[in-house]
Amino acid sequence: MDQQKIRQLAVEFEAVASKYVYDPSVDMLMKSMKEIVENAKSGSIADVVEYVPGSYYFQEKGLSKYSDLETSYSKLKLALITEKKQYDDLKEWAEKRKRELFGKK
């Protein structure tokens, strides 16, 4: 696992979430993610994580309205549940599809 990348994504996730601290659902999301974020920032996640909490808050509590938070959460989750090679391959595929569909880089 790419510890540096995971640490960076955890820090970014916290920074984005801090913009929405007034929303009780974001607070609940952060509480559910506290242990994983702390472990990611300390570099103590060595293996693929089987379960990353938080999806519920985007699906059932309306946090999808914060697209930057959802993107940040998704990137962190993807990095935690996949090996580095898989993560890089998926990211490359998604960027290629985005360019094909929307003509963006």
N, C-alpha and C. Protein backbone atom coordinates (compact mmCIF):
# COMPACT_ATOMS: atom_id res chain seq x y z
N MET A 1 0.85 -1.18 0.00
CA MET A 1 0.00 0.00 0.00
C MET A 1 0.89 1.24 0.00
N ASP A 2 0.41 2.25 -0.66
CA ASP A 2 1.15 3.50 -0.76
C ASP A 2 0.80 4.38 0.45
N GLN A 3 1.60 4.24 1.50
CA GLN A 3 1.33 4.95 2.76
C GLN A 3 1.28 6.46 2.58
N GLN A 4 2.17 6.98 1.79
CA GLN A 4 2.21 8.43 1.58
C GLN A 4 0.93 8.92 0.90
N LYS A 5 0.48 8.19 -0.11
CA LYS A 5 -0.76 8.56 -0.82
C LYS A 5 -1.96 8.48 0.11
N ILE A 6 -2.02 7.42 0.90
CA ILE A 6 -3.14 7.24 1.83
C ILE A 6 -3.13 8.36 2.87
N ARG A 7 -1.98 8.70 3.37
CA ARG A 7 -1.86 9.79 4.34
C ARG A 7 -2.35 11.10 3.72
N GLN A 8 -1.90 11.38 2.51
CA GLN A 8 -2.30 12.60 1.80
C GLN A 8 -3.81 12.65 1.60
N LEU A 9 -4.40 11.54 1.17
CA LEU A 9 -5.84 11.50 0.94
C LEU A 9 -6.63 11.67 2.23
N ALA A 10 -6.12 11.12 3.34
CA ALA A 10 -6.79 11.28 4.64
C ALA A 10 -6.76 12.74 5.08
N VAL A 11 -5.64 13.39 4.90
CA VAL A 11 -5.51 14.81 5.26
C VAL A 11 -6.46 15.64 4.39
N GLU A 12 -6.50 15.36 3.11
CA GLU A 12 -7.39 16.09 2.20
C GLU A 12 -8.86 15.87 2.58
N PHE A 13 -9.20 14.63 2.92
CA PHE A 13 -10.57 14.32 3.33
C PHE A 13 -10.96 15.13 4.56
N GLU A 14 -10.10 15.18 5.55
CA GLU A 14 -10.37 15.96 6.75
C GLU A 14 -10.53 17.45 6.43
N ALA A 15 -9.68 17.95 5.55
CA ALA A 15 -9.73 19.37 5.19
C ALA A 15 -11.06 19.71 4.51
N VAL A 16 -11.47 18.87 3.59
CA VAL A 16 -12.75 19.12 2.89
C VAL A 16 -13.91 19.01 3.88
N ALA A 17 -13.89 17.98 4.72
CA ALA A 17 -14.98 17.80 5.69
C ALA A 17 -15.07 18.97 6.66
N SER A 18 -13.95 19.57 6.98
CA SER A 18 -13.95 20.69 7.93
C SER A 18 -14.73 21.89 7.40
N LYS A 19 -14.91 21.97 6.09
CA LYS A 19 -15.69 23.06 5.50
C LYS A 19 -17.18 22.93 5.82
N TYR A 20 -17.60 21.73 6.20
CA TYR A 20 -19.02 21.46 6.40
C TYR A 20 -19.34 21.03 7.84
N VAL A 21 -18.55 21.48 8.78
CA VAL A 21 -18.72 21.07 10.17
C VAL A 21 -20.10 21.44 10.74
N TYR A 22 -20.74 22.41 10.15
CA TYR A 22 -22.07 22.83 10.61
C TYR A 22 -23.15 21.78 10.32
N ASP A 23 -22.86 20.83 9.42
CA ASP A 23 -23.84 19.81 9.04
C ASP A 23 -23.68 18.61 9.99
N PRO A 24 -24.72 18.26 10.74
CA PRO A 24 -24.63 17.14 11.68
C PRO A 24 -24.27 15.81 11.01
N SER A 25 -24.69 15.62 9.78
CA SER A 25 -24.37 14.37 9.08
C SER A 25 -22.89 14.28 8.75
N VAL A 26 -22.26 15.41 8.47
CA VAL A 26 -20.81 15.42 8.23
C VAL A 26 -20.09 15.08 9.53
N ASP A 27 -20.57 15.62 10.63
CA ASP A 27 -19.99 15.30 11.93
C ASP A 27 -20.09 13.80 12.21
N MET A 28 -21.24 13.22 11.92
CA MET A 28 -21.42 11.78 12.12
C MET A 28 -20.50 10.97 11.20
N LEU A 29 -20.36 11.43 9.95
CA LEU A 29 -19.45 10.78 9.02
C LEU A 29 -18.04 10.79 9.57
N MET A 30 -17.61 11.95 10.04
CA MET A 30 -16.24 12.06 10.56
C MET A 30 -16.03 11.19 11.79
N LYS A 31 -17.03 11.08 12.64
CA LYS A 31 -16.93 10.20 13.81
C LYS A 31 -16.81 8.74 13.37
N SER A 32 -17.55 8.37 12.32
CA SER A 32 -17.48 6.98 11.86
C SER A 32 -16.14 6.67 11.18
N MET A 33 -15.50 7.71 10.66
CA MET A 33 -14.23 7.54 9.95
C MET A 33 -13.01 7.84 10.83
N LYS A 34 -13.22 8.26 12.06
CA LYS A 34 -12.14 8.74 12.92
C LYS A 34 -10.97 7.76 13.01
N GLU A 35 -11.24 6.51 13.33
CA GLU A 35 -10.16 5.53 13.51
C GLU A 35 -9.39 5.30 12.21
N ILE A 36 -10.09 5.16 11.12
CA ILE A 36 -9.42 4.92 9.84
C ILE A 36 -8.59 6.13 9.44
N VAL A 37 -9.12 7.33 9.60
CA VAL A 37 -8.38 8.54 9.23
C VAL A 37 -7.13 8.68 10.10
N GLU A 38 -7.27 8.44 11.39
CA GLU A 38 -6.11 8.53 12.28
C GLU A 38 -5.04 7.50 11.89
N ASN A 39 -5.47 6.28 11.62
CA ASN A 39 -4.53 5.24 11.21
C ASN A 39 -3.87 5.58 9.87
N ALA A 40 -4.64 6.15 8.96
CA ALA A 40 -4.09 6.53 7.65
C ALA A 40 -3.06 7.63 7.81
N LYS A 41 -3.35 8.60 8.64
CA LYS A 41 -2.41 9.71 8.84
C LYS A 41 -1.15 9.28 9.57
N SER A 42 -1.27 8.28 10.42
CA SER A 42 -0.09 7.81 11.16
C SER A 42 0.73 6.79 10.37
N GLY A 43 0.19 6.34 9.23
CA GLY A 43 0.90 5.37 8.41
C GLY A 43 0.81 3.95 8.92
N SER A 44 -0.20 3.67 9.73
CA SER A 44 -0.29 2.33 10.32
C SER A 44 -1.24 1.39 9.57
N ILE A 45 -1.69 1.78 8.40
CA ILE A 45 -2.51 0.87 7.58
C ILE A 45 -1.58 0.20 6.57
N ALA A 46 -1.33 -1.08 6.78
CA ALA A 46 -0.38 -1.80 5.95
C ALA A 46 -1.06 -2.70 4.92
N ASP A 47 -2.29 -3.08 5.20
CA ASP A 47 -3.00 -4.00 4.31
C ASP A 47 -4.30 -3.36 3.83
N VAL A 48 -4.85 -3.95 2.80
CA VAL A 48 -6.13 -3.51 2.27
C VAL A 48 -7.18 -3.58 3.37
N VAL A 49 -8.00 -2.54 3.47
CA VAL A 49 -9.06 -2.47 4.47
C VAL A 49 -10.30 -3.13 3.90
N GLU A 50 -10.90 -4.02 4.69
CA GLU A 50 -12.08 -4.76 4.22
C GLU A 50 -13.33 -3.89 4.17
N TYR A 51 -13.47 -2.98 5.14
CA TYR A 51 -14.69 -2.17 5.22
C TYR A 51 -14.31 -0.74 5.61
N VAL A 52 -14.82 0.20 4.85
CA VAL A 52 -14.63 1.62 5.15
C VAL A 52 -16.03 2.20 5.40
N PRO A 53 -16.29 2.65 6.62
CA PRO A 53 -17.61 3.21 6.91
C PRO A 53 -17.82 4.53 6.17
N GLY A 54 -19.06 4.93 6.08
CA GLY A 54 -19.33 6.26 5.55
C GLY A 54 -20.26 6.33 4.36
N SER A 55 -20.33 5.28 3.57
CA SER A 55 -21.18 5.32 2.37
C SER A 55 -22.62 5.67 2.70
N TYR A 56 -23.09 5.18 3.83
CA TYR A 56 -24.45 5.43 4.28
C TYR A 56 -24.78 6.92 4.30
N TYR A 57 -23.84 7.73 4.75
CA TYR A 57 -24.09 9.16 4.89
C TYR A 57 -24.26 9.85 3.54
N PHE A 58 -23.64 9.31 2.52
CA PHE A 58 -23.81 9.87 1.18
C PHE A 58 -25.09 9.36 0.55
N GLN A 59 -25.42 8.10 0.80
CA GLN A 59 -26.61 7.51 0.19
C GLN A 59 -27.90 7.88 0.90
N GLU A 60 -27.87 7.92 2.23
CA GLU A 60 -29.10 8.10 3.01
C GLU A 60 -29.23 9.45 3.70
N LYS A 61 -28.15 10.14 3.92
CA LYS A 61 -28.20 11.40 4.67
C LYS A 61 -27.92 12.63 3.80
N GLY A 62 -27.84 12.43 2.49
CA GLY A 62 -27.77 13.56 1.57
C GLY A 62 -26.42 14.24 1.43
N LEU A 63 -25.35 13.59 1.88
CA LEU A 63 -24.05 14.25 1.78
C LEU A 63 -23.52 14.33 0.35
N SER A 64 -24.19 13.69 -0.58
CA SER A 64 -23.78 13.80 -1.99
C SER A 64 -23.91 15.23 -2.50
N LYS A 65 -24.64 16.06 -1.78
CA LYS A 65 -24.75 17.47 -2.18
C LYS A 65 -23.42 18.19 -2.07
N TYR A 66 -22.49 17.63 -1.30
CA TYR A 66 -21.14 18.17 -1.19
C TYR A 66 -20.23 17.35 -2.09
N SER A 67 -20.20 17.70 -3.37
CA SER A 67 -19.47 16.86 -4.33
C SER A 67 -17.98 16.76 -4.01
N ASP A 68 -17.40 17.82 -3.49
CA ASP A 68 -15.97 17.75 -3.14
C ASP A 68 -15.72 16.79 -1.98
N LEU A 69 -16.66 16.73 -1.04
CA LEU A 69 -16.54 15.79 0.07
C LEU A 69 -16.71 14.36 -0.42
N GLU A 70 -17.66 14.14 -1.28
CA GLU A 70 -17.89 12.80 -1.81
C GLU A 70 -16.69 12.33 -2.64
N THR A 71 -16.12 13.23 -3.43
CA THR A 71 -14.95 12.88 -4.23
C THR A 71 -13.77 12.55 -3.33
N SER A 72 -13.56 13.35 -2.31
CA SER A 72 -12.45 13.12 -1.38
C SER A 72 -12.64 11.80 -0.64
N TYR A 73 -13.85 11.53 -0.18
CA TYR A 73 -14.16 10.27 0.50
C TYR A 73 -13.92 9.09 -0.44
N SER A 74 -14.40 9.20 -1.66
CA SER A 74 -14.26 8.11 -2.64
C SER A 74 -12.80 7.80 -2.95
N LYS A 75 -11.99 8.83 -3.10
CA LYS A 75 -10.57 8.62 -3.37
C LYS A 75 -9.89 7.92 -2.21
N LEU A 76 -10.20 8.36 -0.99
CA LEU A 76 -9.60 7.73 0.19
C LEU A 76 -10.07 6.28 0.30
N LYS A 77 -11.35 6.06 0.14
CA LYS A 77 -11.88 4.71 0.25
C LYS A 77 -11.26 3.79 -0.80
N LEU A 78 -11.18 4.26 -2.02
CA LEU A 78 -10.59 3.46 -3.09
C LEU A 78 -9.14 3.10 -2.78
N ALA A 79 -8.38 4.06 -2.26
CA ALA A 79 -6.99 3.79 -1.90
C ALA A 79 -6.88 2.77 -0.78
N LEU A 80 -7.87 2.75 0.12
CA LEU A 80 -7.84 1.84 1.26
C LEU A 80 -8.26 0.42 0.91
N ILE A 81 -9.15 0.29 -0.08
CA ILE A 81 -9.70 -1.04 -0.38
C ILE A 81 -9.02 -1.74 -1.55
N THR A 82 -8.08 -1.06 -2.19
CA THR A 82 -7.39 -1.67 -3.33
C THR A 82 -5.88 -1.62 -3.14
N GLU A 83 -5.21 -2.49 -3.81
CA GLU A 83 -3.74 -2.44 -3.84
C GLU A 83 -3.33 -1.26 -4.71
N LYS A 84 -2.12 -0.80 -4.56
CA LYS A 84 -1.63 0.36 -5.30
C LYS A 84 -1.81 0.20 -6.81
N LYS A 85 -1.43 -0.94 -7.35
CA LYS A 85 -1.52 -1.17 -8.80
C LYS A 85 -2.98 -1.08 -9.24
N GLN A 86 -3.88 -1.70 -8.49
CA GLN A 86 -5.30 -1.63 -8.84
C GLN A 86 -5.79 -0.19 -8.80
N TYR A 87 -5.39 0.55 -7.77
CA TYR A 87 -5.80 1.94 -7.62
C TYR A 87 -5.33 2.76 -8.81
N ASP A 88 -4.06 2.61 -9.18
CA ASP A 88 -3.52 3.36 -10.31
C ASP A 88 -4.22 3.00 -11.61
N ASP A 89 -4.50 1.71 -11.81
CA ASP A 89 -5.19 1.26 -13.02
C ASP A 89 -6.61 1.83 -13.08
N LEU A 90 -7.33 1.79 -11.96
CA LEU A 90 -8.70 2.31 -11.94
C LEU A 90 -8.72 3.82 -12.17
N LYS A 91 -7.78 4.51 -11.57
CA LYS A 91 -7.71 5.96 -11.73
C LYS A 91 -7.41 6.31 -13.20
N GLU A 92 -6.48 5.59 -13.80
CA GLU A 92 -6.14 5.83 -15.21
C GLU A 92 -7.34 5.56 -16.11
N TRP A 93 -8.06 4.47 -15.85
CA TRP A 93 -9.24 4.12 -16.63
C TRP A 93 -10.31 5.21 -16.49
N ALA A 94 -10.55 5.68 -15.26
CA ALA A 94 -11.57 6.71 -15.04
C ALA A 94 -11.21 8.01 -15.74
N GLU A 95 -9.96 8.39 -15.69
CA GLU A 95 -9.53 9.62 -16.36
C GLU A 95 -9.68 9.50 -17.87
N LYS A 96 -9.37 8.33 -18.41
CA LYS A 96 -9.52 8.09 -19.85
C LYS A 96 -10.99 8.19 -20.26
N ARG A 97 -11.86 7.55 -19.47
CA ARG A 97 -13.30 7.59 -19.77
C ARG A 97 -13.84 9.02 -19.68
N LYS A 98 -13.37 9.77 -18.71
CA LYS A 98 -13.80 11.16 -18.55
C LYS A 98 -13.44 11.97 -19.79
N ARG A 99 -12.21 11.77 -20.29
CA ARG A 99 -11.79 12.49 -21.50
C ARG A 99 -12.64 12.07 -22.70
N GLU A 100 -12.91 10.77 -22.80
CA GLU A 100 -13.71 10.27 -23.92
C GLU A 100 -15.12 10.83 -23.88
N LEU A 101 -15.70 10.85 -22.71
CA LEU A 101 -17.10 11.26 -22.57
C LEU A 101 -17.31 12.77 -22.57
N PHE A 102 -16.36 13.48 -21.94
CA PHE A 102 -16.57 14.91 -21.74
C PHE A 102 -15.52 15.78 -22.40
N GLY A 103 -14.53 15.16 -23.00
CA GLY A 103 -13.49 15.93 -23.67
C GLY A 103 -12.65 16.76 -22.72
N LYS A 104 -12.56 16.30 -21.46
CA LYS A 104 -11.78 17.04 -20.46
C LYS A 104 -10.55 16.24 -20.09
N LYS A 105 -9.56 16.95 -19.57
CA LYS A 105 -8.34 16.29 -19.09
C LYS A 105 -8.45 15.89 -17.66
